[in-house]
Amino acid sequence: MRYWKMKAIVDNPKVGMVVVTYNQTASLQSLLASFKAQTWKNFLILVSHDGPATEEVKEAYKAIVGSDERFLFVETKERSNQFGHERRGAGFKTLIELGCDYVGTTNGDCWYTPNYFESMLHQMQKDDTKLAYCDMIHSHKMWQPLRVEMRRGKIDAGSWIGHRDVVSKAEWTDFGFFGDWSFIHKLHKICDGRHSKVAGYYYVHN
């Protein structure tokens, strides 16, 4: 049962997410199910597999997605094994070309509360910003709450969403462990330091 009212969001923006994954089945299914449960229905999920996907992975994906056209699956010919970072920038471009107004990224073993898209969009429209992030539950902290901040080690690839005008101006060039922070820091600079902090732990990092 839903105990909160649908927040007023104008112009029906489309949200796109790049999911980078490798050889994940049950965890990927959990993530995809959390997207299908979103209260905001206008979205497009691009699942990008790092290297050729096994039939087990493909079947796990199909079992959750079915014929839902809001989900796309792509795989590379070879595995890069760089935290999936090399797939994110290309994924953003694809989603923007397919009409997404806002984009974000995540990993195939993470999870979102059903109000994630709705809350992020609402806060950005309320604040008139083009970048938003939320707090999270973090596995590196033994699944304890983490107050997200705009600094290295305090924000994650999966805890933000940005407007296409901002994301299209940044290039993902750091494929190392802190590559997500390097990219988010670029977005923050492009936004002249303006962003929205969404109150709530809507993201689980695994």
C-alpha atoms as a PDB file:
ATOM      1  CA  MET A   1       0.000   0.000   0.000  1.00  0.00           C
ATOM      2  CA  ARG A   2       1.257   3.461  -0.894  1.00  0.00           C
ATOM      3  CA  TYR A   3       1.321   6.012   1.954  1.00  0.00           C
ATOM      4  CA  TRP A   4       2.683   9.019   0.050  1.00  0.00           C
ATOM      5  CA  LYS A   5       1.156  11.154  -2.648  1.00  0.00           C
ATOM      6  CA  MET A   6       2.532  11.230  -6.187  1.00  0.00           C
ATOM      7  CA  LYS A   7       4.771  14.272  -6.367  1.00  0.00           C
ATOM      8  CA  ALA A   8       3.976  16.830  -9.062  1.00  0.00           C
ATOM      9  CA  ILE A   9       6.404  16.392 -11.970  1.00  0.00           C
ATOM     10  CA  VAL A  10       5.862  18.377 -15.163  1.00  0.00           C
ATOM     11  CA  ASP A  11       6.568  17.519 -18.818  1.00  0.00           C
ATOM     12  CA  ASN A  12       6.745  13.735 -18.185  1.00  0.00           C
ATOM     13  CA  PRO A  13      10.573  13.453 -18.472  1.00  0.00           C
ATOM     14  CA  LYS A  14      12.096  10.117 -19.459  1.00  0.00           C
ATOM     15  CA  VAL A  15      14.783   8.689 -17.165  1.00  0.00           C
ATOM     16  CA  GLY A  16      17.509   6.425 -18.567  1.00  0.00           C
ATOM     17  CA  MET A  17      19.812   4.146 -16.582  1.00  0.00           C
ATOM     18  CA  VAL A  18      22.955   2.372 -17.769  1.00  0.00           C
ATOM     19  CA  VAL A  19      23.342  -0.923 -15.893  1.00  0.00           C
ATOM     20  CA  VAL A  20      26.812  -2.404 -16.194  1.00  0.00           C
ATOM     21  CA  THR A  21      27.001  -6.094 -15.374  1.00  0.00           C
ATOM     22  CA  TYR A  22      29.130  -9.198 -15.747  1.00  0.00           C
ATOM     23  CA  ASN A  23      27.945 -12.769 -15.252  1.00  0.00           C
ATOM     24  CA  GLN A  24      25.213 -11.791 -12.781  1.00  0.00           C
ATOM     25  CA  THR A  25      21.867 -13.571 -12.558  1.00  0.00           C
ATOM     26  CA  ALA A  26      19.905 -13.419  -9.287  1.00  0.00           C
ATOM     27  CA  SER A  27      21.389 -10.056  -8.273  1.00  0.00           C
ATOM     28  CA  LEU A  28      20.665  -8.615 -11.728  1.00  0.00           C
ATOM     29  CA  GLN A  29      17.105  -9.900 -11.507  1.00  0.00           C
ATOM     30  CA  SER A  30      16.659  -8.147  -8.168  1.00  0.00           C
ATOM     31  CA  LEU A  31      17.856  -4.851  -9.638  1.00  0.00           C
ATOM     32  CA  LEU A  32      15.656  -5.132 -12.725  1.00  0.00           C
ATOM     33  CA  ALA A  33      12.642  -5.976 -10.563  1.00  0.00           C
ATOM     34  CA  SER A  34      13.269  -2.828  -8.527  1.00  0.00           C
ATOM     35  CA  PHE A  35      13.152  -0.806 -11.750  1.00  0.00           C
ATOM     36  CA  LYS A  36       9.924  -2.458 -12.860  1.00  0.00           C
ATOM     37  CA  ALA A  37       8.462  -1.488  -9.472  1.00  0.00           C
ATOM     38  CA  GLN A  38       9.255   2.220  -9.916  1.00  0.00           C
ATOM     39  CA  THR A  39       6.359   4.586  -9.315  1.00  0.00           C
ATOM     40  CA  TRP A  40       7.713   6.710 -12.196  1.00  0.00           C
ATOM     41  CA  LYS A  41       6.935   4.663 -15.299  1.00  0.00           C
ATOM     42  CA  ASN A  42       8.587   6.703 -18.061  1.00  0.00           C
ATOM     43  CA  PHE A  43      12.067   5.177 -18.095  1.00  0.00           C
ATOM     44  CA  LEU A  44      14.510   3.246 -20.261  1.00  0.00           C
ATOM     45  CA  ILE A  45      17.022   0.759 -18.834  1.00  0.00           C
ATOM     46  CA  LEU A  46      20.100  -0.185 -20.872  1.00  0.00           C
ATOM     47  CA  VAL A  47      21.778  -3.335 -19.527  1.00  0.00           C
ATOM     48  CA  SER A  48      25.359  -3.457 -20.812  1.00  0.00           C
ATOM     49  CA  HIS A  49      27.170  -6.772 -20.292  1.00  0.00           C
ATOM     50  CA  ASP A  50      30.975  -6.601 -20.097  1.00  0.00           C
ATOM     51  CA  GLY A  51      31.882  -9.275 -22.635  1.00  0.00           C
ATOM     52  CA  PRO A  52      29.795 -12.075 -24.176  1.00  0.00           C
ATOM     53  CA  ALA A  53      26.893 -13.058 -21.927  1.00  0.00           C
ATOM     54  CA  THR A  54      26.156 -16.678 -21.095  1.00  0.00           C
ATOM     55  CA  GLU A  55      22.769 -18.211 -21.834  1.00  0.00           C
ATOM     56  CA  GLU A  56      22.179 -18.337 -18.065  1.00  0.00           C
ATOM     57  CA  VAL A  57      22.577 -14.563 -17.837  1.00  0.00           C
ATOM     58  CA  LYS A  58      20.328 -13.981 -20.843  1.00  0.00           C
ATOM     59  CA  GLU A  59      17.629 -16.265 -19.476  1.00  0.00           C
ATOM     60  CA  ALA A  60      17.784 -14.559 -16.069  1.00  0.00           C
ATOM     61  CA  TYR A  61      17.353 -11.206 -17.793  1.00  0.00           C
ATOM     62  CA  LYS A  62      14.439 -12.381 -19.928  1.00  0.00           C
ATOM     63  CA  ALA A  63      12.685 -13.949 -16.936  1.00  0.00           C
ATOM     64  CA  ILE A  64      12.268 -10.527 -15.336  1.00  0.00           C
ATOM     65  CA  VAL A  65      12.037  -8.229 -18.357  1.00  0.00           C
ATOM     66  CA  GLY A  66       9.827 -10.339 -20.581  1.00  0.00           C
ATOM     67  CA  SER A  67       8.471  -8.207 -23.439  1.00  0.00           C
ATOM     68  CA  ASP A  68       8.869  -4.877 -21.611  1.00  0.00           C
ATOM     69  CA  GLU A  69      10.241  -2.494 -24.249  1.00  0.00           C
ATOM     70  CA  ARG A  70      11.623  -0.166 -21.567  1.00  0.00           C
ATOM     71  CA  PHE A  71      14.577  -2.554 -21.192  1.00  0.00           C
ATOM     72  CA  LEU A  72      17.441  -3.118 -23.640  1.00  0.00           C
ATOM     73  CA  PHE A  73      20.300  -5.636 -23.456  1.00  0.00           C
ATOM     74  CA  VAL A  74      23.691  -5.276 -25.147  1.00  0.00           C
ATOM     75  CA  GLU A  75      26.943  -7.227 -24.813  1.00  0.00           C
ATOM     76  CA  THR A  76      30.510  -6.543 -25.915  1.00  0.00           C
ATOM     77  CA  LYS A  77      32.688  -8.927 -27.909  1.00  0.00           C
ATOM     78  CA  GLU A  78      35.423  -8.915 -25.259  1.00  0.00           C
ATOM     79  CA  ARG A  79      35.493  -8.274 -21.528  1.00  0.00           C
ATOM     80  CA  SER A  80      37.222  -5.095 -20.381  1.00  0.00           C
ATOM     81  CA  ASN A  81      37.066  -5.687 -16.596  1.00  0.00           C
ATOM     82  CA  GLN A  82      37.400  -2.000 -15.659  1.00  0.00           C
ATOM     83  CA  PHE A  83      34.557  -1.749 -13.133  1.00  0.00           C
ATOM     84  CA  GLY A  84      32.216  -1.391 -16.105  1.00  0.00           C
ATOM     85  CA  HIS A  85      33.264   2.255 -16.409  1.00  0.00           C
ATOM     86  CA  GLU A  86      34.112   2.040 -20.098  1.00  0.00           C
ATOM     87  CA  ARG A  87      30.476   1.090 -20.810  1.00  0.00           C
ATOM     88  CA  ARG A  88      28.861   3.999 -18.974  1.00  0.00           C
ATOM     89  CA  GLY A  89      29.784   6.875 -21.280  1.00  0.00           C
ATOM     90  CA  ALA A  90      28.693   4.958 -24.373  1.00  0.00           C
ATOM     91  CA  GLY A  91      25.493   4.025 -22.587  1.00  0.00           C
ATOM     92  CA  PHE A  92      24.697   7.657 -21.771  1.00  0.00           C
ATOM     93  CA  LYS A  93      25.044   8.593 -25.437  1.00  0.00           C
ATOM     94  CA  THR A  94      22.722   5.777 -26.484  1.00  0.00           C
ATOM     95  CA  LEU A  95      20.065   6.708 -23.929  1.00  0.00           C
ATOM     96  CA  ILE A  96      20.190  10.386 -24.845  1.00  0.00           C
ATOM     97  CA  GLU A  97      19.873   9.509 -28.532  1.00  0.00           C
ATOM     98  CA  LEU A  98      16.806   7.441 -27.616  1.00  0.00           C
ATOM     99  CA  GLY A  99      15.145  10.469 -26.035  1.00  0.00           C
ATOM    100  CA  CYS A 100      16.038  10.278 -22.349  1.00  0.00           C
ATOM    101  CA  ASP A 101      15.911  13.629 -20.559  1.00  0.00           C
ATOM    102  CA  TYR A 102      17.772  12.471 -17.450  1.00  0.00           C
ATOM    103  CA  VAL A 103      20.340   9.685 -17.159  1.00  0.00           C
ATOM    104  CA  GLY A 104      22.217   7.805 -14.485  1.00  0.00           C
ATOM    105  CA  THR A 105      24.157   4.591 -14.080  1.00  0.00           C
ATOM    106  CA  THR A 106      24.496   1.691 -11.692  1.00  0.00           C
ATOM    107  CA  ASN A 107      25.919  -1.818 -11.296  1.00  0.00           C
ATOM    108  CA  GLY A 108      24.095  -5.078 -11.809  1.00  0.00           C
ATOM    109  CA  ASP A 109      24.054  -6.060  -8.138  1.00  0.00           C
ATOM    110  CA  CYS A 110      22.526  -2.885  -6.687  1.00  0.00           C
ATOM    111  CA  TRP A 111      18.930  -2.082  -5.763  1.00  0.00           C
ATOM    112  CA  TYR A 112      16.524   0.888  -5.607  1.00  0.00           C
ATOM    113  CA  THR A 113      13.398   1.732  -3.641  1.00  0.00           C
ATOM    114  CA  PRO A 114      10.263   2.146  -5.783  1.00  0.00           C
ATOM    115  CA  ASN A 115      10.217   5.949  -5.380  1.00  0.00           C
ATOM    116  CA  TYR A 116      13.805   6.553  -6.563  1.00  0.00           C
ATOM    117  CA  PHE A 117      13.064   8.032 -10.009  1.00  0.00           C
ATOM    118  CA  GLU A 118      10.040   9.952  -8.797  1.00  0.00           C
ATOM    119  CA  SER A 119      11.852  11.522  -5.834  1.00  0.00           C
ATOM    120  CA  MET A 120      14.970  12.477  -7.791  1.00  0.00           C
ATOM    121  CA  LEU A 121      12.949  14.110 -10.569  1.00  0.00           C
ATOM    122  CA  HIS A 122      10.707  15.957  -8.146  1.00  0.00           C
ATOM    123  CA  GLN A 123      13.628  17.394  -6.168  1.00  0.00           C
ATOM    124  CA  MET A 124      15.456  18.639  -9.262  1.00  0.00           C
ATOM    125  CA  GLN A 125      12.315  20.326 -10.582  1.00  0.00           C
ATOM    126  CA  LYS A 126      11.597  21.833  -7.170  1.00  0.00           C
ATOM    127  CA  ASP A 127      15.140  23.198  -6.813  1.00  0.00           C
ATOM    128  CA  ASP A 128      15.586  24.048 -10.506  1.00  0.00           C
ATOM    129  CA  THR A 129      18.764  21.964 -10.723  1.00  0.00           C
ATOM    130  CA  LYS A 130      20.113  19.447 -13.227  1.00  0.00           C
ATOM    131  CA  LEU A 131      21.961  17.067 -10.894  1.00  0.00           C
ATOM    132  CA  ALA A 132      20.685  15.143  -7.880  1.00  0.00           C
ATOM    133  CA  TYR A 133      21.935  12.484  -5.493  1.00  0.00           C
ATOM    134  CA  CYS A 134      20.543  10.603  -2.507  1.00  0.00           C
ATOM    135  CA  ASP A 135      21.848   8.817   0.573  1.00  0.00           C
ATOM    136  CA  MET A 136      22.446   5.073   0.432  1.00  0.00           C
ATOM    137  CA  ILE A 137      22.968   1.801   2.247  1.00  0.00           C
ATOM    138  CA  HIS A 138      26.567   0.770   1.510  1.00  0.00           C
ATOM    139  CA  SER A 139      28.037  -2.739   1.485  1.00  0.00           C
ATOM    140  CA  HIS A 140      31.532  -1.391   2.237  1.00  0.00           C
ATOM    141  CA  LYS A 141      30.052  -0.260   5.567  1.00  0.00           C
ATOM    142  CA  MET A 142      28.448  -3.667   6.190  1.00  0.00           C
ATOM    143  CA  TRP A 143      25.139  -2.376   4.807  1.00  0.00           C
ATOM    144  CA  GLN A 144      24.957   0.551   7.173  1.00  0.00           C
ATOM    145  CA  PRO A 145      23.484   3.946   6.176  1.00  0.00           C
ATOM    146  CA  LEU A 146      25.905   6.301   4.442  1.00  0.00           C
ATOM    147  CA  ARG A 147      25.291  10.041   4.251  1.00  0.00           C
ATOM    148  CA  VAL A 148      26.258  10.910   0.711  1.00  0.00           C
ATOM    149  CA  GLU A 149      28.367  14.019   0.109  1.00  0.00           C
ATOM    150  CA  MET A 150      29.894  15.593  -2.971  1.00  0.00           C
ATOM    151  CA  ARG A 151      33.412  14.352  -2.265  1.00  0.00           C
ATOM    152  CA  ARG A 152      35.600  11.350  -2.981  1.00  0.00           C
ATOM    153  CA  GLY A 153      34.643   8.227  -1.048  1.00  0.00           C
ATOM    154  CA  LYS A 154      31.249   9.661  -0.107  1.00  0.00           C
ATOM    155  CA  ILE A 155      29.271   9.226  -3.334  1.00  0.00           C
ATOM    156  CA  ASP A 156      28.786   6.316  -5.713  1.00  0.00           C
ATOM    157  CA  ALA A 157      28.126   5.729  -9.394  1.00  0.00           C
ATOM    158  CA  GLY A 158      24.599   4.558  -8.646  1.00  0.00           C
ATOM    159  CA  SER A 159      23.357   7.318  -6.351  1.00  0.00           C
ATOM    160  CA  TRP A 160      22.894  10.212  -8.813  1.00  0.00           C
ATOM    161  CA  ILE A 161      20.868  11.317 -11.832  1.00  0.00           C
ATOM    162  CA  GLY A 162      21.731  14.185 -14.167  1.00  0.00           C
ATOM    163  CA  HIS A 163      20.022  16.104 -16.967  1.00  0.00           C
ATOM    164  CA  ARG A 164      21.071  15.241 -20.517  1.00  0.00           C
ATOM    165  CA  ASP A 165      22.400  18.790 -21.060  1.00  0.00           C
ATOM    166  CA  VAL A 166      24.890  18.271 -18.234  1.00  0.00           C
ATOM    167  CA  VAL A 167      25.853  14.637 -18.801  1.00  0.00           C
ATOM    168  CA  SER A 168      26.446  15.153 -22.531  1.00  0.00           C
ATOM    169  CA  LYS A 169      29.138  17.736 -21.711  1.00  0.00           C
ATOM    170  CA  ALA A 170      31.201  15.338 -19.570  1.00  0.00           C
ATOM    171  CA  GLU A 171      33.337  12.440 -20.743  1.00  0.00           C
ATOM    172  CA  TRP A 172      33.997   9.320 -18.634  1.00  0.00           C
ATOM    173  CA  THR A 173      37.785   9.024 -18.910  1.00  0.00           C
ATOM    174  CA  ASP A 174      38.776   7.489 -15.552  1.00  0.00           C
ATOM    175  CA  PHE A 175      38.308   3.699 -15.585  1.00  0.00           C
ATOM    176  CA  GLY A 176      39.899   3.098 -12.171  1.00  0.00           C
ATOM    177  CA  PHE A 177      38.351   2.360  -8.775  1.00  0.00           C
ATOM    178  CA  PHE A 178      37.371   6.008  -8.208  1.00  0.00           C
ATOM    179  CA  GLY A 179      36.303   6.574 -11.810  1.00  0.00           C
ATOM    180  CA  ASP A 180      32.737   7.279 -10.726  1.00  0.00           C
ATOM    181  CA  TRP A 181      33.860  10.096  -8.431  1.00  0.00           C
ATOM    182  CA  SER A 182      35.976  11.607 -11.212  1.00  0.00           C
ATOM    183  CA  PHE A 183      32.941  11.726 -13.492  1.00  0.00           C
ATOM    184  CA  ILE A 184      30.500  13.008 -10.878  1.00  0.00           C
ATOM    185  CA  HIS A 185      32.990  15.729  -9.954  1.00  0.00           C
ATOM    186  CA  LYS A 186      32.983  16.810 -13.609  1.00  0.00           C
ATOM    187  CA  LEU A 187      29.199  16.994 -13.578  1.00  0.00           C
ATOM    188  CA  HIS A 188      29.282  19.071 -10.411  1.00  0.00           C
ATOM    189  CA  LYS A 189      31.677  21.566 -12.005  1.00  0.00           C
ATOM    190  CA  ILE A 190      29.517  21.810 -15.131  1.00  0.00           C
ATOM    191  CA  CYS A 191      26.558  22.600 -12.843  1.00  0.00           C
ATOM    192  CA  ASP A 192      28.616  25.357 -11.163  1.00  0.00           C
ATOM    193  CA  GLY A 193      28.337  23.511  -7.872  1.00  0.00           C
ATOM    194  CA  ARG A 194      24.532  23.454  -7.850  1.00  0.00           C
ATOM    195  CA  HIS A 195      22.827  20.166  -7.137  1.00  0.00           C
ATOM    196  CA  SER A 196      19.889  18.678  -5.247  1.00  0.00           C
ATOM    197  CA  LYS A 197      20.303  16.467  -2.204  1.00  0.00           C
ATOM    198  CA  VAL A 198      17.326  14.140  -1.921  1.00  0.00           C
ATOM    199  CA  ALA A 199      16.479  13.183   1.640  1.00  0.00           C
ATOM    200  CA  GLY A 200      16.155   9.423   1.932  1.00  0.00           C
ATOM    201  CA  TYR A 201      18.075   6.167   1.569  1.00  0.00           C
ATOM    202  CA  TYR A 202      16.744   5.133  -1.817  1.00  0.00           C
ATOM    203  CA  TYR A 203      19.770   3.192  -3.076  1.00  0.00           C
ATOM    204  CA  VAL A 204      21.488   0.015  -1.867  1.00  0.00           C
ATOM    205  CA  HIS A 205      25.102  -0.542  -2.932  1.00  0.00           C
ATOM    206  CA  ASN A 206      26.227  -4.196  -2.985  1.00  0.00           C
END
